[in-house]
Amino acid sequence: MRKGNAVAAKLKQQKNNVIAHEKAFGRHVLVVDDSRAQRRILVLALERGGYRVTEADSGVTALARCQEAAFDFVLSDWMMPEMDGLEFCRAFKAMPRDGYGYFILLTSKSEKGEIADGLDCGADDFLAKPVNSDELRARLRAGERILGMQFELMTKNRLIGSTLDELQKVYDSLDRDLIEARKLQQTLVRERHRDFGRGEVSALLRPSGHVGGDLVGFFEINPHRIGVYSVDVSGHGVASAMMTARLSGLLSGSSPDQNVALTEGAFGEQDAHPPEEVAARLNRMMFENIQVEQYFTLAYADINLRTGQVALVQAGHPHPALIRSSGAVEYIGAGGMPIGLIPGAVYERVEAQLLPGDRLFLVSDGVTECPSSEGEELGEEGLTRILLANRKMKNPALLEALVWDLATYFDGEDFPDDVSGALFLFKG
């Protein structure tokens, strides 16, 4: 912001310098006429008006003068030998210059066709010969207004250009920071796949922008139980990404003492709170400790690796999918209330039984609500088709196939929302 103000102040100072220079020395006028007497009359009238004047006796000489100095006005006779006024006007307008040059043709011609020829060549105005001094001053004042507006436009364009340059630098800096933030956010999912012996878990996380608001993961409760979760924070961008970083610490398997799901059992072994209590604890923390405007949805499952018994909570998240080894897909849960939306919200436990070869898929709404090129959402039916078409694949390959099929459905890989999910296979 300070740089933008500095640019504006600099341009304002430049404008003031130009105005001061014009007041001190006057506008610079080039008078072109092969008649010395006519030139003298014009020069005297212009000098009395405070203008600086340079003379040229032909169009060729005038072009040479224009190579040496930038003239604000040109008063040129139409009829001249070697190069007439129209040819000189074309050549003058074609010359590169910073500011605008106001061109007035001096002529005794009055036919409309001839006047049109002069305008087509780039002339800005006409003066009939012999030149009346009052009319000359009026024409020059009109030209002064045009030059003033042109200078204002150039000044504003420079300001816009300088501001855009500053904004581009800021954008480039933010872009670099967001790229690094994306790399850091990807590290929140410390493991993308782990084999627990009797079961294995694979994680998918594809932010829709530089950084996203989705989070997936898993952790060991004890040698016979694991926790698997999928989170979707409201909104997008940096604020959502910071919330996912906070939640990653609260559901971390590497820091059991900070994990809100873990507790100590009756005999000192590591245990876990029931899923519905985990959701309630997180909800209280959102209002009592974190205190932000955001909320998030959650699907969290406590899975017994020995029995295949699943206890889970669905807090506003899409329905978890049970992919049976027989080829059927079931969606479980009753929806539930998002976390951080209503104080004191109550969450219900959902139970399911996995058989060997069955899978549990906790998936974000970036998958189920992904639109087609016609705007139709994938939905649970579309997800079922993809899961069944790829069900013989191993977990990592199935998740990769899901992204490919989703990109085909969406007709592109720049998904409008984060795509994430946690896929558990029960081996038994």
Protein backbone atom coordinates (compact mmCIF):
# COMPACT_ATOMS: atom_id res chain seq x y z
CA MET A 1 0.00 0.00 0.00
CA ARG A 2 2.85 2.36 0.84
CA LYS A 3 4.50 1.55 -2.49
CA GLY A 4 1.27 2.38 -4.33
CA ASN A 5 1.04 5.74 -2.53
CA ALA A 6 4.67 6.42 -3.40
CA VAL A 7 3.99 5.72 -7.08
CA ALA A 8 0.98 8.05 -7.08
CA ALA A 9 2.98 10.78 -5.36
CA LYS A 10 5.81 10.39 -7.88
CA LEU A 11 3.44 10.68 -10.84
CA LYS A 12 1.76 13.69 -9.27
CA GLN A 13 5.15 15.32 -8.84
CA GLN A 14 5.97 14.60 -12.49
CA LYS A 15 2.70 16.23 -13.53
CA ASN A 16 3.43 19.28 -11.39
CA ASN A 17 6.91 19.52 -12.90
CA VAL A 18 5.47 19.46 -16.42
CA ILE A 19 2.90 22.14 -15.54
CA ALA A 20 5.57 24.30 -13.96
CA HIS A 21 7.80 23.88 -17.02
CA GLU A 22 4.95 24.87 -19.34
CA LYS A 23 4.21 27.97 -17.28
CA ALA A 24 7.86 28.96 -17.31
CA PHE A 25 8.62 28.26 -20.95
CA GLY A 26 5.23 27.84 -22.67
CA ARG A 27 4.03 25.23 -25.12
CA HIS A 28 6.35 24.55 -28.01
CA VAL A 29 4.88 25.33 -31.47
CA LEU A 30 6.35 24.47 -34.88
CA VAL A 31 5.31 26.86 -37.67
CA VAL A 32 5.73 25.44 -41.17
CA ASP A 33 5.22 27.68 -44.21
CA ASP A 34 7.23 28.35 -47.34
CA SER A 35 6.30 32.06 -47.06
CA ARG A 36 8.65 33.93 -44.75
CA ALA A 37 6.11 36.75 -44.29
CA GLN A 38 3.35 34.32 -43.26
CA ARG A 39 5.68 32.63 -40.80
CA ARG A 40 6.62 35.99 -39.29
CA ILE A 41 2.98 36.97 -38.73
CA LEU A 42 2.26 33.67 -36.99
CA VAL A 43 5.44 33.77 -34.90
CA LEU A 44 4.67 37.25 -33.55
CA ALA A 45 1.09 36.26 -32.68
CA LEU A 46 2.27 33.09 -30.93
CA GLU A 47 5.07 34.74 -28.97
CA ARG A 48 2.62 37.37 -27.69
CA GLY A 49 0.51 34.45 -26.43
CA GLY A 50 3.48 33.06 -24.46
CA TYR A 51 4.35 30.17 -26.77
CA ARG A 52 7.83 29.03 -27.72
CA VAL A 53 8.13 28.94 -31.48
CA THR A 54 10.34 27.13 -33.99
CA GLU A 55 10.15 27.83 -37.73
CA ALA A 56 10.52 25.62 -40.82
CA ASP A 57 10.26 26.71 -44.46
CA SER A 58 9.21 23.28 -45.85
CA GLY A 59 7.79 19.92 -44.88
CA VAL A 60 11.21 18.29 -45.27
CA THR A 61 12.85 20.82 -42.95
CA ALA A 62 9.95 20.45 -40.51
CA LEU A 63 10.46 16.69 -40.28
CA ALA A 64 14.11 17.27 -39.47
CA ARG A 65 13.07 19.70 -36.70
CA CYS A 66 10.68 17.06 -35.32
CA GLN A 67 13.57 14.61 -35.02
CA GLU A 68 15.35 17.09 -32.73
CA ALA A 69 12.46 18.24 -30.49
CA ALA A 70 8.96 17.23 -29.39
CA PHE A 71 6.42 19.88 -30.39
CA ASP A 72 3.08 20.33 -28.68
CA PHE A 73 1.50 22.10 -31.68
CA VAL A 74 2.22 22.17 -35.38
CA LEU A 75 0.84 24.95 -37.61
CA SER A 76 1.46 23.90 -41.18
CA ASP A 77 0.53 25.40 -44.51
CA TRP A 78 -1.28 23.06 -46.87
CA MET A 79 0.25 24.11 -50.17
CA MET A 80 4.08 23.81 -50.09
CA PRO A 81 6.70 22.62 -52.59
CA GLU A 82 8.54 19.26 -52.20
CA MET A 83 6.15 18.03 -49.49
CA ASP A 84 2.69 19.50 -49.01
CA GLY A 85 0.87 19.82 -45.69
CA LEU A 86 -1.02 16.54 -46.05
CA GLU A 87 2.16 14.52 -46.68
CA PHE A 88 3.90 16.26 -43.80
CA CYS A 89 0.90 15.58 -41.52
CA ARG A 90 0.99 11.86 -42.33
CA ALA A 91 4.72 11.69 -41.67
CA PHE A 92 4.41 13.68 -38.43
CA LYS A 93 1.61 11.48 -37.04
CA ALA A 94 3.59 8.35 -37.91
CA MET A 95 6.62 9.45 -35.87
CA PRO A 96 7.07 7.76 -32.47
CA ARG A 97 6.65 10.12 -29.52
CA ASP A 98 5.67 10.07 -25.85
CA GLY A 99 2.99 12.75 -25.91
CA TYR A 100 0.41 13.88 -28.41
CA GLY A 101 1.18 16.42 -31.16
CA TYR A 102 -1.75 18.66 -32.09
CA PHE A 103 -1.71 19.39 -35.83
CA ILE A 104 -3.47 22.43 -37.37
CA LEU A 105 -3.57 22.84 -41.15
CA LEU A 106 -3.49 26.36 -42.57
CA THR A 107 -5.42 26.54 -45.81
CA SER A 108 -7.59 28.60 -48.06
CA LYS A 109 -9.44 25.43 -49.12
CA SER A 110 -13.03 25.15 -47.97
CA GLU A 111 -14.45 22.26 -49.97
CA LYS A 112 -15.85 19.46 -47.77
CA GLY A 113 -13.97 16.78 -49.69
CA GLU A 114 -10.67 18.56 -49.15
CA ILE A 115 -11.39 19.05 -45.45
CA ALA A 116 -12.17 15.32 -45.19
CA ASP A 117 -8.82 14.52 -46.84
CA GLY A 118 -7.09 16.59 -44.21
CA LEU A 119 -8.86 14.79 -41.36
CA ASP A 120 -8.06 11.41 -42.90
CA CYS A 121 -4.38 12.36 -42.88
CA GLY A 122 -4.52 12.99 -39.13
CA ALA A 123 -5.06 16.73 -38.91
CA ASP A 124 -6.77 17.82 -35.68
CA ASP A 125 -8.04 21.24 -36.81
CA PHE A 126 -8.04 23.80 -39.64
CA LEU A 127 -7.42 27.54 -39.86
CA ALA A 128 -8.41 29.60 -42.89
CA LYS A 129 -5.82 31.90 -44.41
CA PRO A 130 -5.26 34.71 -43.80
CA VAL A 131 -5.13 33.73 -40.15
CA ASN A 132 -7.14 35.77 -37.67
CA SER A 133 -5.22 36.16 -34.39
CA ASP A 134 -8.33 35.81 -32.19
CA GLU A 135 -9.38 32.63 -34.01
CA LEU A 136 -5.81 31.30 -33.72
CA ARG A 137 -5.83 31.78 -29.93
CA ALA A 138 -9.26 30.07 -29.71
CA ARG A 139 -8.05 27.09 -31.74
CA LEU A 140 -4.95 26.78 -29.61
CA ARG A 141 -7.01 26.91 -26.40
CA ALA A 142 -9.13 24.07 -27.75
CA GLY A 143 -5.94 22.17 -28.49
CA GLU A 144 -4.69 22.91 -24.96
CA ARG A 145 -7.75 21.14 -23.56
CA ILE A 146 -7.08 18.09 -25.74
CA LEU A 147 -3.42 18.01 -24.72
CA GLY A 148 -4.37 18.41 -21.06
CA MET A 149 -6.81 15.50 -21.20
CA GLN A 150 -4.23 13.40 -23.05
CA PHE A 151 -1.64 14.17 -20.38
CA GLU A 152 -4.11 13.22 -17.63
CA LEU A 153 -4.79 9.95 -19.43
CA MET A 154 -1.07 9.19 -19.78
CA THR A 155 -0.51 9.98 -16.10
CA LYS A 156 -3.32 7.67 -15.04
CA ASN A 157 -2.10 4.94 -17.39
CA ARG A 158 1.36 5.18 -15.85
CA LEU A 159 -0.20 4.97 -12.39
CA ILE A 160 -2.26 1.93 -13.43
CA GLY A 161 0.81 0.30 -14.98
CA SER A 162 2.92 0.94 -11.89
CA THR A 163 0.13 -0.31 -9.62
CA LEU A 164 -0.29 -3.46 -11.71
CA ASP A 165 3.46 -4.06 -11.50
CA GLU A 166 3.29 -3.76 -7.72
CA LEU A 167 0.26 -6.04 -7.55
CA GLN A 168 2.01 -8.60 -9.75
CA LYS A 169 4.97 -8.62 -7.36
CA VAL A 170 2.62 -9.12 -4.41
CA TYR A 171 0.76 -11.88 -6.28
CA ASP A 172 4.02 -13.62 -7.21
CA SER A 173 5.11 -13.49 -3.57
CA LEU A 174 1.77 -14.88 -2.37
CA ASP A 175 1.84 -17.54 -5.05
CA ARG A 176 5.27 -18.72 -3.91
CA ASP A 177 4.08 -18.78 -0.29
CA LEU A 178 0.94 -20.73 -1.21
CA ILE A 179 2.96 -23.28 -3.16
CA GLU A 180 5.09 -23.86 -0.07
CA ALA A 181 1.93 -23.97 2.06
CA ARG A 182 0.52 -26.67 -0.24
CA LYS A 183 3.67 -28.74 0.23
CA LEU A 184 3.41 -28.32 4.01
CA GLN A 185 -0.29 -29.24 4.00
CA GLN A 186 0.44 -32.44 2.10
CA THR A 187 2.81 -33.42 4.92
CA LEU A 188 -0.16 -33.37 7.34
CA VAL A 189 -1.08 -36.74 5.83
CA ARG A 190 2.09 -38.38 7.08
CA GLU A 191 1.20 -41.78 5.65
CA ARG A 192 -0.77 -42.48 2.48
CA HIS A 193 -0.90 -46.22 3.08
CA ARG A 194 -0.30 -48.60 5.99
CA ASP A 195 -0.78 -52.32 6.37
CA PHE A 196 -1.88 -53.26 9.89
CA GLY A 197 -1.80 -56.99 9.20
CA ARG A 198 -5.49 -57.75 9.49
CA GLY A 199 -6.43 -54.56 7.64
CA GLU A 200 -4.90 -51.78 5.59
CA VAL A 201 -5.72 -48.10 5.07
CA SER A 202 -5.04 -45.80 2.10
CA ALA A 203 -5.53 -42.02 2.07
CA LEU A 204 -6.39 -39.64 -0.78
CA LEU A 205 -5.98 -35.84 -0.57
CA ARG A 206 -6.26 -33.55 -3.62
CA PRO A 207 -6.78 -29.84 -2.75
CA SER A 208 -8.74 -27.92 -5.38
CA GLY A 209 -6.51 -24.83 -5.08
CA HIS A 210 -3.10 -24.10 -3.63
CA VAL A 211 -4.33 -25.19 -0.21
CA GLY A 212 -7.55 -26.86 0.84
CA GLY A 213 -9.82 -27.55 3.77
CA ASP A 214 -9.90 -31.36 3.64
CA LEU A 215 -7.96 -33.71 5.89
CA VAL A 216 -7.78 -37.49 6.05
CA GLY A 217 -5.75 -39.83 8.22
CA PHE A 218 -5.56 -42.78 10.53
CA PHE A 219 -3.84 -43.77 13.78
CA GLU A 220 -3.36 -46.81 15.94
CA ILE A 221 -5.44 -47.01 19.10
CA ASN A 222 -3.88 -50.27 20.26
CA PRO A 223 -2.59 -53.38 18.48
CA HIS A 224 -6.16 -54.50 17.73
CA ARG A 225 -7.93 -51.21 16.93
CA ILE A 226 -7.35 -48.24 14.66
CA GLY A 227 -9.02 -44.87 14.13
CA VAL A 228 -9.72 -43.61 10.60
CA TYR A 229 -11.08 -40.13 9.87
CA SER A 230 -12.11 -37.78 7.08
CA VAL A 231 -12.56 -34.03 7.69
CA ASP A 232 -13.90 -31.20 5.54
CA VAL A 233 -13.51 -27.66 6.90
CA SER A 234 -15.97 -25.03 5.64
CA GLY A 235 -14.66 -22.59 3.06
CA HIS A 236 -11.43 -22.66 1.11
CA GLY A 237 -8.01 -21.10 1.20
CA VAL A 238 -5.56 -20.24 3.93
CA ALA A 239 -8.05 -20.03 6.83
CA SER A 240 -9.41 -23.51 6.09
CA ALA A 241 -5.89 -24.89 5.65
CA MET A 242 -4.86 -23.50 9.05
CA MET A 243 -7.87 -25.21 10.63
CA THR A 244 -6.91 -28.54 9.05
CA ALA A 245 -3.41 -28.10 10.50
CA ARG A 246 -4.94 -27.61 13.96
CA LEU A 247 -7.18 -30.65 13.57
CA SER A 248 -4.27 -32.74 12.33
CA GLY A 249 -2.60 -32.20 15.69
CA LEU A 250 -5.80 -33.09 17.53
CA LEU A 251 -6.08 -36.40 15.65
CA SER A 252 -2.39 -37.22 15.47
CA GLY A 253 -1.16 -40.77 15.93
CA SER A 254 2.41 -39.61 16.54
CA SER A 255 1.36 -37.48 19.55
CA PRO A 256 -1.08 -39.65 21.55
CA ASP A 257 -1.15 -37.22 24.47
CA GLN A 258 -2.63 -34.51 22.17
CA ASN A 259 -5.06 -36.79 20.34
CA VAL A 260 -8.62 -36.00 21.49
CA ALA A 261 -9.77 -39.51 20.60
CA LEU A 262 -7.23 -41.37 22.72
CA THR A 263 -7.45 -42.05 26.43
CA GLU A 264 -6.01 -44.44 29.02
CA GLY A 265 -7.77 -47.73 29.72
CA ALA A 266 -8.57 -49.23 33.10
CA PHE A 267 -5.30 -51.19 33.20
CA GLY A 268 -3.04 -48.43 31.86
CA GLU A 269 -3.21 -49.48 28.21
CA GLN A 270 -4.06 -47.02 25.44
CA ASP A 271 -7.75 -46.83 24.64
CA ALA A 272 -10.10 -44.48 22.77
CA HIS A 273 -13.26 -42.55 23.52
CA PRO A 274 -16.39 -43.71 21.69
CA PRO A 275 -16.72 -42.00 18.27
CA GLU A 276 -19.78 -40.00 19.29
CA GLU A 277 -17.88 -38.65 22.31
CA VAL A 278 -14.90 -37.72 20.09
CA ALA A 279 -17.26 -35.62 17.94
CA ALA A 280 -18.78 -34.00 21.05
CA ARG A 281 -15.32 -33.20 22.46
CA LEU A 282 -14.29 -31.56 19.20
CA ASN A 283 -17.53 -29.58 19.15
CA ARG A 284 -16.88 -28.24 22.65
CA MET A 285 -13.31 -27.31 21.72
CA MET A 286 -14.57 -25.34 18.71
CA PHE A 287 -16.68 -23.11 20.95
CA GLU A 288 -14.54 -23.00 24.10
CA ASN A 289 -10.96 -22.97 22.81
CA ILE A 290 -10.66 -22.46 19.06
CA GLN A 291 -13.50 -19.90 18.74
CA VAL A 292 -13.54 -19.22 15.01
CA GLU A 293 -16.37 -18.68 12.54
CA GLN A 294 -15.61 -21.91 10.71
CA TYR A 295 -17.12 -25.34 11.20
CA PHE A 296 -16.28 -28.72 9.74
CA THR A 297 -17.83 -32.05 8.90
CA LEU A 298 -16.35 -35.31 10.14
CA ALA A 299 -16.57 -39.04 9.60
CA TYR A 300 -14.58 -40.94 12.22
CA ALA A 301 -14.46 -44.72 12.55
CA ASP A 302 -13.11 -46.90 15.36
CA ILE A 303 -12.30 -50.25 13.70
CA ASN A 304 -11.56 -53.54 15.45
CA LEU A 305 -8.94 -55.39 13.39
CA ARG A 306 -9.78 -58.75 14.99
CA THR A 307 -13.54 -58.81 14.59
CA GLY A 308 -14.22 -56.31 11.79
CA GLN A 309 -16.59 -54.44 14.09
CA VAL A 310 -16.90 -50.72 13.18
CA ALA A 311 -18.18 -47.97 15.42
CA LEU A 312 -18.34 -44.59 13.69
CA VAL A 313 -19.81 -41.12 13.89
CA GLN A 314 -21.07 -39.09 10.95
CA ALA A 315 -21.08 -35.37 11.70
CA GLY A 316 -22.46 -33.68 8.59
CA HIS A 317 -20.09 -35.64 6.34
CA PRO A 318 -21.23 -37.65 3.29
CA HIS A 319 -22.47 -41.13 4.14
CA PRO A 320 -19.60 -43.62 4.55
CA ALA A 321 -19.69 -46.42 1.98
CA LEU A 322 -19.40 -50.13 2.75
CA ILE A 323 -17.98 -51.89 -0.30
CA ARG A 324 -18.83 -55.55 0.16
CA SER A 325 -16.65 -58.27 -1.30
CA SER A 326 -19.82 -59.65 -2.85
CA GLY A 327 -20.08 -56.57 -5.10
CA ALA A 328 -22.70 -54.56 -3.21
CA VAL A 329 -22.22 -50.98 -1.94
CA GLU A 330 -24.10 -49.77 1.15
CA TYR A 331 -24.22 -46.24 2.55
CA ILE A 332 -24.56 -45.95 6.30
CA GLY A 333 -25.20 -43.17 8.80
CA ALA A 334 -27.94 -40.61 9.33
CA GLY A 335 -26.12 -37.38 8.47
CA GLY A 336 -25.56 -35.73 11.83
CA MET A 337 -24.74 -32.13 12.73
CA PRO A 338 -21.47 -30.50 11.57
CA ILE A 339 -18.94 -29.74 14.30
CA GLY A 340 -18.65 -26.15 15.48
CA LEU A 341 -22.09 -25.13 14.22
CA ILE A 342 -24.31 -25.55 17.31
CA PRO A 343 -23.13 -25.62 20.96
CA GLY A 344 -24.04 -28.78 22.82
CA ALA A 345 -24.86 -30.76 19.66
CA VAL A 346 -25.49 -34.47 20.27
CA TYR A 347 -23.93 -37.10 18.02
CA GLU A 348 -25.02 -40.69 17.51
CA ARG A 349 -22.95 -43.81 17.06
CA VAL A 350 -23.36 -45.91 13.92
CA GLU A 351 -22.23 -49.54 13.95
CA ALA A 352 -21.38 -51.87 11.09
CA GLN A 353 -19.81 -55.27 10.60
CA LEU A 354 -17.07 -55.87 8.06
CA LEU A 355 -16.39 -59.32 6.66
CA PRO A 356 -13.06 -60.35 5.15
CA GLY A 357 -12.62 -58.53 1.84
CA ASP A 358 -15.05 -55.74 2.74
CA ARG A 359 -14.01 -52.12 2.62
CA LEU A 360 -15.07 -48.95 4.43
CA PHE A 361 -14.74 -45.67 2.48
CA LEU A 362 -14.90 -42.30 4.28
CA VAL A 363 -15.23 -39.78 1.45
CA SER A 364 -15.57 -35.98 1.19
CA ASP A 365 -18.35 -34.13 -0.61
CA GLY A 366 -15.77 -33.00 -3.17
CA VAL A 367 -16.31 -36.45 -4.67
CA THR A 368 -20.07 -36.92 -4.32
CA GLU A 369 -20.87 -33.31 -5.30
CA CYS A 370 -18.40 -33.14 -8.20
CA PRO A 371 -20.34 -31.78 -11.22
CA SER A 372 -20.25 -33.11 -14.75
CA SER A 373 -19.68 -30.84 -17.74
CA GLU A 374 -23.50 -30.45 -17.80
CA GLY A 375 -23.62 -29.52 -14.10
CA GLU A 376 -25.08 -32.78 -12.76
CA GLU A 377 -23.56 -33.95 -9.47
CA LEU A 378 -21.93 -37.39 -9.29
CA GLY A 379 -23.95 -38.38 -6.21
CA GLU A 380 -23.92 -41.73 -4.45
CA GLU A 381 -25.10 -43.55 -7.57
CA GLY A 382 -22.18 -42.24 -9.61
CA LEU A 383 -19.74 -43.05 -6.81
CA THR A 384 -21.16 -46.56 -6.61
CA ARG A 385 -20.55 -47.08 -10.33
CA ILE A 386 -16.91 -46.01 -9.98
CA LEU A 387 -16.31 -48.13 -6.88
CA LEU A 388 -17.82 -51.26 -8.43
CA ALA A 389 -15.96 -50.78 -11.70
CA ASN A 390 -12.65 -50.70 -9.80
CA ARG A 391 -13.41 -52.93 -6.79
CA LYS A 392 -10.93 -55.63 -7.80
CA MET A 393 -8.04 -53.19 -7.51
CA LYS A 394 -5.93 -52.79 -4.41
CA ASN A 395 -6.57 -49.78 -2.21
CA PRO A 396 -3.99 -47.31 -3.63
CA ALA A 397 -4.87 -48.24 -7.22
CA LEU A 398 -8.59 -47.92 -6.52
CA LEU A 399 -8.14 -44.38 -5.16
CA GLU A 400 -6.04 -43.43 -8.17
CA ALA A 401 -8.70 -44.85 -10.49
CA LEU A 402 -11.33 -42.87 -8.60
CA VAL A 403 -9.48 -39.62 -9.35
CA TRP A 404 -9.12 -40.57 -13.03
CA ASP A 405 -12.81 -41.43 -13.37
CA LEU A 406 -13.79 -38.27 -11.52
CA ALA A 407 -11.64 -36.18 -13.90
CA THR A 408 -13.36 -37.85 -16.84
CA TYR A 409 -16.78 -37.11 -15.35
CA PHE A 410 -15.84 -33.48 -14.61
CA ASP A 411 -13.96 -33.12 -17.91
CA GLY A 412 -10.83 -31.81 -16.22
CA GLU A 413 -8.56 -32.24 -13.22
CA ASP A 414 -9.04 -28.79 -11.66
CA PHE A 415 -11.86 -29.94 -9.42
CA PRO A 416 -14.12 -27.24 -7.91
CA ASP A 417 -13.70 -28.70 -4.41
CA ASP A 418 -11.10 -30.72 -2.52
CA VAL A 419 -11.18 -34.42 -3.29
CA SER A 420 -10.29 -36.66 -0.37
CA GLY A 421 -11.08 -39.97 1.26
CA ALA A 422 -9.82 -42.74 3.55
CA LEU A 423 -10.25 -46.34 2.35
CA PHE A 424 -9.99 -49.27 4.79
CA LEU A 425 -9.78 -52.91 3.67
CA PHE A 426 -10.60 -55.60 6.26
CA LYS A 427 -8.54 -58.76 5.68
CA GLY A 428 -9.76 -60.72 8.71
